[in-house]
N, C-alpha and C. Protein backbone atom coordinates (compact mmCIF):
# COMPACT_ATOMS: atom_id res chain seq x y z
N MET A 1 -184.08 46.11 -84.05
CA MET A 1 -182.91 45.95 -84.99
C MET A 1 -181.79 46.42 -84.24
N SER A 2 -180.84 45.85 -84.09
CA SER A 2 -179.42 46.35 -83.42
C SER A 2 -178.52 46.61 -84.56
N ARG A 3 -177.80 47.57 -84.35
CA ARG A 3 -176.71 48.02 -85.33
C ARG A 3 -175.38 47.28 -84.81
N ARG A 4 -174.62 46.69 -85.73
CA ARG A 4 -173.44 46.30 -85.46
C ARG A 4 -172.41 47.19 -85.42
N GLN A 5 -171.44 47.34 -84.36
CA GLN A 5 -170.50 48.32 -84.33
C GLN A 5 -169.33 47.94 -85.16
N THR A 6 -168.84 48.81 -85.89
CA THR A 6 -167.62 48.69 -86.66
C THR A 6 -166.48 48.71 -85.88
N PRO A 7 -165.28 48.21 -86.25
CA PRO A 7 -164.06 48.27 -85.51
C PRO A 7 -163.57 49.89 -85.36
N VAL A 8 -163.99 50.72 -86.15
CA VAL A 8 -163.65 52.23 -85.92
C VAL A 8 -164.39 52.64 -84.77
N ASN A 9 -165.72 52.44 -84.41
CA ASN A 9 -166.50 52.92 -83.35
C ASN A 9 -165.86 52.24 -82.08
N ILE A 10 -165.49 51.03 -82.06
CA ILE A 10 -164.84 50.29 -80.98
C ILE A 10 -163.62 51.00 -80.58
N SER A 11 -162.67 51.34 -81.72
CA SER A 11 -161.37 52.08 -81.30
C SER A 11 -161.68 53.32 -80.78
N ARG A 12 -162.53 54.05 -81.21
CA ARG A 12 -162.99 55.37 -80.61
C ARG A 12 -163.40 55.32 -79.31
N MET A 13 -164.34 54.27 -79.02
CA MET A 13 -164.62 54.06 -77.62
C MET A 13 -163.54 53.70 -76.76
N ASN A 14 -162.60 52.99 -77.06
CA ASN A 14 -161.52 52.52 -76.21
C ASN A 14 -160.56 53.78 -76.05
N THR A 15 -160.28 54.59 -77.15
CA THR A 15 -159.76 55.80 -76.83
C THR A 15 -160.38 56.83 -75.82
N ARG A 16 -161.63 56.90 -75.79
CA ARG A 16 -162.31 57.68 -74.87
C ARG A 16 -162.18 57.12 -73.34
N LEU A 17 -162.34 55.77 -73.28
CA LEU A 17 -162.21 55.12 -72.07
C LEU A 17 -160.77 55.13 -71.50
N THR A 18 -159.82 55.21 -72.44
CA THR A 18 -158.43 55.29 -71.98
C THR A 18 -158.16 56.77 -71.43
N LEU A 19 -158.80 57.77 -72.14
CA LEU A 19 -158.62 59.00 -71.84
C LEU A 19 -159.22 59.46 -70.27
N VAL A 20 -160.35 58.91 -70.26
CA VAL A 20 -161.09 59.04 -68.87
C VAL A 20 -160.33 58.35 -67.89
N PHE A 21 -159.91 57.08 -68.08
CA PHE A 21 -159.10 56.35 -67.10
C PHE A 21 -157.80 57.08 -66.74
N ALA A 22 -156.95 57.71 -67.79
CA ALA A 22 -155.94 58.51 -67.45
C ALA A 22 -156.03 59.78 -66.69
N THR A 23 -157.34 60.35 -66.87
CA THR A 23 -157.76 61.64 -66.13
C THR A 23 -157.91 61.21 -64.71
N ILE A 24 -158.65 60.14 -64.44
CA ILE A 24 -158.88 59.69 -63.19
C ILE A 24 -157.60 59.41 -62.31
N LEU A 25 -156.77 58.69 -63.02
CA LEU A 25 -155.37 58.34 -62.38
C LEU A 25 -154.53 59.66 -62.12
N ALA A 26 -154.68 60.58 -63.03
CA ALA A 26 -153.98 61.95 -62.61
C ALA A 26 -154.43 62.60 -61.47
N PHE A 27 -155.67 62.70 -61.32
CA PHE A 27 -156.45 63.28 -60.15
C PHE A 27 -156.10 62.50 -58.82
N VAL A 28 -156.21 61.18 -58.94
CA VAL A 28 -155.92 60.41 -57.71
C VAL A 28 -154.34 60.52 -57.34
N GLY A 29 -153.59 60.58 -58.46
CA GLY A 29 -152.08 60.64 -58.17
C GLY A 29 -151.79 61.94 -57.81
N ALA A 30 -152.33 62.94 -58.14
CA ALA A 30 -152.12 64.38 -57.41
C ALA A 30 -152.49 64.28 -56.08
N ALA A 31 -153.60 63.78 -55.62
CA ALA A 31 -154.18 63.75 -54.33
C ALA A 31 -153.16 62.89 -53.43
N ASP A 32 -152.60 61.75 -53.88
CA ASP A 32 -151.70 60.96 -53.17
C ASP A 32 -150.37 61.62 -53.03
N VAL A 33 -149.96 62.44 -54.03
CA VAL A 33 -148.64 63.19 -53.85
C VAL A 33 -148.70 64.25 -52.80
N SER A 34 -149.88 65.01 -52.57
CA SER A 34 -149.89 65.94 -51.63
C SER A 34 -150.22 65.46 -50.26
N SER A 35 -150.76 64.44 -50.13
CA SER A 35 -151.08 64.02 -48.64
C SER A 35 -149.92 63.49 -47.96
N PRO A 36 -148.72 62.86 -48.50
CA PRO A 36 -147.84 62.47 -47.61
C PRO A 36 -146.95 63.83 -47.06
N SER A 37 -147.04 64.72 -47.87
CA SER A 37 -146.27 65.95 -47.46
C SER A 37 -146.88 66.73 -46.34
N SER A 38 -148.28 66.69 -46.24
CA SER A 38 -148.85 67.27 -45.28
C SER A 38 -148.97 66.32 -43.97
N ALA A 39 -148.95 64.98 -44.25
CA ALA A 39 -148.97 63.90 -43.11
C ALA A 39 -147.64 64.01 -42.44
N ALA A 40 -146.57 64.28 -43.09
CA ALA A 40 -145.16 64.12 -42.77
C ALA A 40 -144.77 65.34 -41.86
N ALA A 41 -145.34 66.49 -42.10
CA ALA A 41 -145.11 67.64 -41.33
C ALA A 41 -146.33 68.51 -41.08
N PRO A 42 -147.29 67.99 -40.17
CA PRO A 42 -148.45 68.84 -40.04
C PRO A 42 -148.27 70.18 -39.21
N CYS A 43 -146.95 70.28 -38.54
CA CYS A 43 -146.75 71.49 -37.72
C CYS A 43 -145.88 72.47 -38.54
N ARG A 44 -146.08 73.59 -38.53
CA ARG A 44 -145.39 74.81 -39.17
C ARG A 44 -145.02 75.93 -38.14
N ASP A 45 -143.93 76.44 -38.60
CA ASP A 45 -143.45 77.63 -37.73
C ASP A 45 -144.28 78.94 -38.28
N ARG A 46 -143.97 79.94 -37.87
CA ARG A 46 -144.63 81.23 -38.08
C ARG A 46 -144.34 81.62 -39.52
N LEU A 47 -143.31 81.08 -40.24
CA LEU A 47 -143.03 81.28 -41.66
C LEU A 47 -143.59 80.39 -42.62
N GLY A 48 -144.26 79.39 -42.07
CA GLY A 48 -144.92 78.26 -42.85
C GLY A 48 -143.97 77.14 -43.13
N GLN A 49 -142.70 77.21 -42.54
CA GLN A 49 -141.89 76.14 -42.75
C GLN A 49 -142.33 74.88 -42.02
N PRO A 50 -142.16 73.57 -42.53
CA PRO A 50 -142.51 72.39 -41.74
C PRO A 50 -141.59 72.10 -40.56
N ILE A 51 -142.03 71.85 -39.49
CA ILE A 51 -141.14 71.62 -38.20
C ILE A 51 -141.48 70.37 -37.58
N LYS A 52 -140.82 69.88 -36.60
CA LYS A 52 -141.17 68.69 -35.83
C LYS A 52 -142.26 69.02 -34.71
N CYS A 53 -143.37 68.30 -34.69
CA CYS A 53 -144.39 68.80 -33.74
C CYS A 53 -143.91 68.36 -32.37
N VAL A 54 -144.10 69.21 -31.52
CA VAL A 54 -143.86 69.03 -29.99
C VAL A 54 -145.09 68.74 -29.28
N GLN A 55 -145.21 67.52 -28.69
CA GLN A 55 -146.50 67.23 -27.94
C GLN A 55 -146.39 67.90 -26.72
N PRO A 56 -147.55 68.56 -26.28
CA PRO A 56 -147.58 69.11 -24.84
C PRO A 56 -147.45 68.12 -23.82
N MET A 57 -146.82 68.50 -22.63
CA MET A 57 -146.53 67.75 -21.65
C MET A 57 -147.96 67.47 -20.90
N VAL A 58 -148.29 66.17 -20.59
CA VAL A 58 -149.49 65.94 -19.90
C VAL A 58 -149.28 66.17 -18.44
N LEU A 59 -150.18 67.10 -17.86
CA LEU A 59 -150.08 67.33 -16.58
C LEU A 59 -150.89 66.61 -15.61
N LYS A 60 -150.21 65.67 -14.97
CA LYS A 60 -151.00 64.69 -14.14
C LYS A 60 -151.22 65.10 -12.71
N TYR A 61 -150.43 66.02 -12.39
CA TYR A 61 -150.43 66.49 -10.82
C TYR A 61 -151.37 67.75 -10.80
N CYS A 62 -151.96 67.93 -9.65
CA CYS A 62 -152.76 69.14 -9.26
C CYS A 62 -152.44 69.72 -8.04
N ARG A 63 -152.60 71.10 -7.78
CA ARG A 63 -152.32 71.50 -6.52
C ARG A 63 -153.36 72.51 -6.25
N ASP A 64 -153.64 72.69 -4.87
CA ASP A 64 -154.61 73.84 -4.46
C ASP A 64 -153.90 75.12 -4.74
N THR A 65 -154.98 76.03 -5.28
CA THR A 65 -154.30 77.42 -5.66
C THR A 65 -154.17 78.13 -4.42
N TYR A 66 -154.82 77.82 -3.28
CA TYR A 66 -154.60 78.65 -2.09
C TYR A 66 -153.40 78.26 -1.21
N THR A 67 -153.26 76.79 -0.92
CA THR A 67 -152.38 76.33 -0.11
C THR A 67 -151.13 76.03 -0.89
N LYS A 68 -151.19 75.82 -2.05
CA LYS A 68 -150.08 75.39 -3.02
C LYS A 68 -149.68 73.93 -2.66
N GLU A 69 -150.43 73.16 -2.00
CA GLU A 69 -150.12 71.80 -1.60
C GLU A 69 -150.80 70.89 -2.70
N PHE A 70 -150.22 69.66 -2.92
CA PHE A 70 -150.64 68.87 -3.97
C PHE A 70 -152.09 68.30 -3.42
N ALA A 71 -153.00 68.40 -4.35
CA ALA A 71 -154.38 67.98 -4.22
C ALA A 71 -154.90 67.01 -5.17
N ARG A 72 -156.00 66.58 -5.01
CA ARG A 72 -156.83 65.56 -6.07
C ARG A 72 -157.26 66.57 -7.07
N CYS A 73 -157.07 66.03 -8.37
CA CYS A 73 -157.53 66.79 -9.47
C CYS A 73 -159.05 66.65 -9.52
N GLY A 74 -159.67 67.87 -10.06
CA GLY A 74 -161.12 67.82 -10.25
C GLY A 74 -161.78 68.54 -9.14
N GLY A 75 -161.13 68.94 -8.05
CA GLY A 75 -161.84 69.54 -7.00
C GLY A 75 -161.93 71.14 -7.23
N PRO A 76 -162.53 71.84 -6.28
CA PRO A 76 -162.60 73.31 -6.42
C PRO A 76 -161.24 73.93 -6.04
N HIS A 77 -160.95 75.09 -6.74
CA HIS A 77 -159.61 75.74 -6.50
C HIS A 77 -158.41 74.96 -6.66
N VAL A 78 -158.48 74.07 -7.76
CA VAL A 78 -157.29 73.15 -8.08
C VAL A 78 -156.77 73.38 -9.43
N GLU A 79 -155.53 73.43 -9.72
CA GLU A 79 -155.02 73.66 -10.98
C GLU A 79 -153.88 72.43 -11.32
N ARG A 80 -153.83 72.20 -12.50
CA ARG A 80 -152.94 71.28 -13.04
C ARG A 80 -151.46 71.96 -13.06
N VAL A 81 -150.49 70.94 -12.53
CA VAL A 81 -149.02 71.55 -12.67
C VAL A 81 -148.16 70.39 -13.08
N PRO A 82 -146.91 70.89 -13.50
CA PRO A 82 -146.05 69.65 -14.04
C PRO A 82 -145.58 68.98 -12.88
N PRO A 83 -144.99 67.74 -13.15
CA PRO A 83 -144.61 66.93 -12.05
C PRO A 83 -143.50 67.54 -11.16
N PRO A 84 -143.36 67.24 -10.05
CA PRO A 84 -142.18 67.79 -9.24
C PRO A 84 -140.87 67.51 -9.79
N GLY A 85 -140.07 68.53 -9.68
CA GLY A 85 -138.62 68.43 -10.50
C GLY A 85 -138.56 68.87 -11.81
N HIS A 86 -139.76 69.33 -12.43
CA HIS A 86 -139.62 69.90 -13.63
C HIS A 86 -139.76 71.40 -13.75
């Protein structure tokens, strides 16, 4: 035997669903608000203020540590150096 729900029970259920939905939206909205600020300025100075990120220069050239001549990268006694003129 099934009970028929009265309009009062349906309205109470709608209120609960609305509150649950509003709570979920509040949490999702709070997460969305915090992510763009961290994505916009992931680099910070020593005081914690957001600054523009500086990408490290890619060192494509290598030289021998003994003769200081340019050499192939990956060999023994070879270090990466900035390009000539920098």
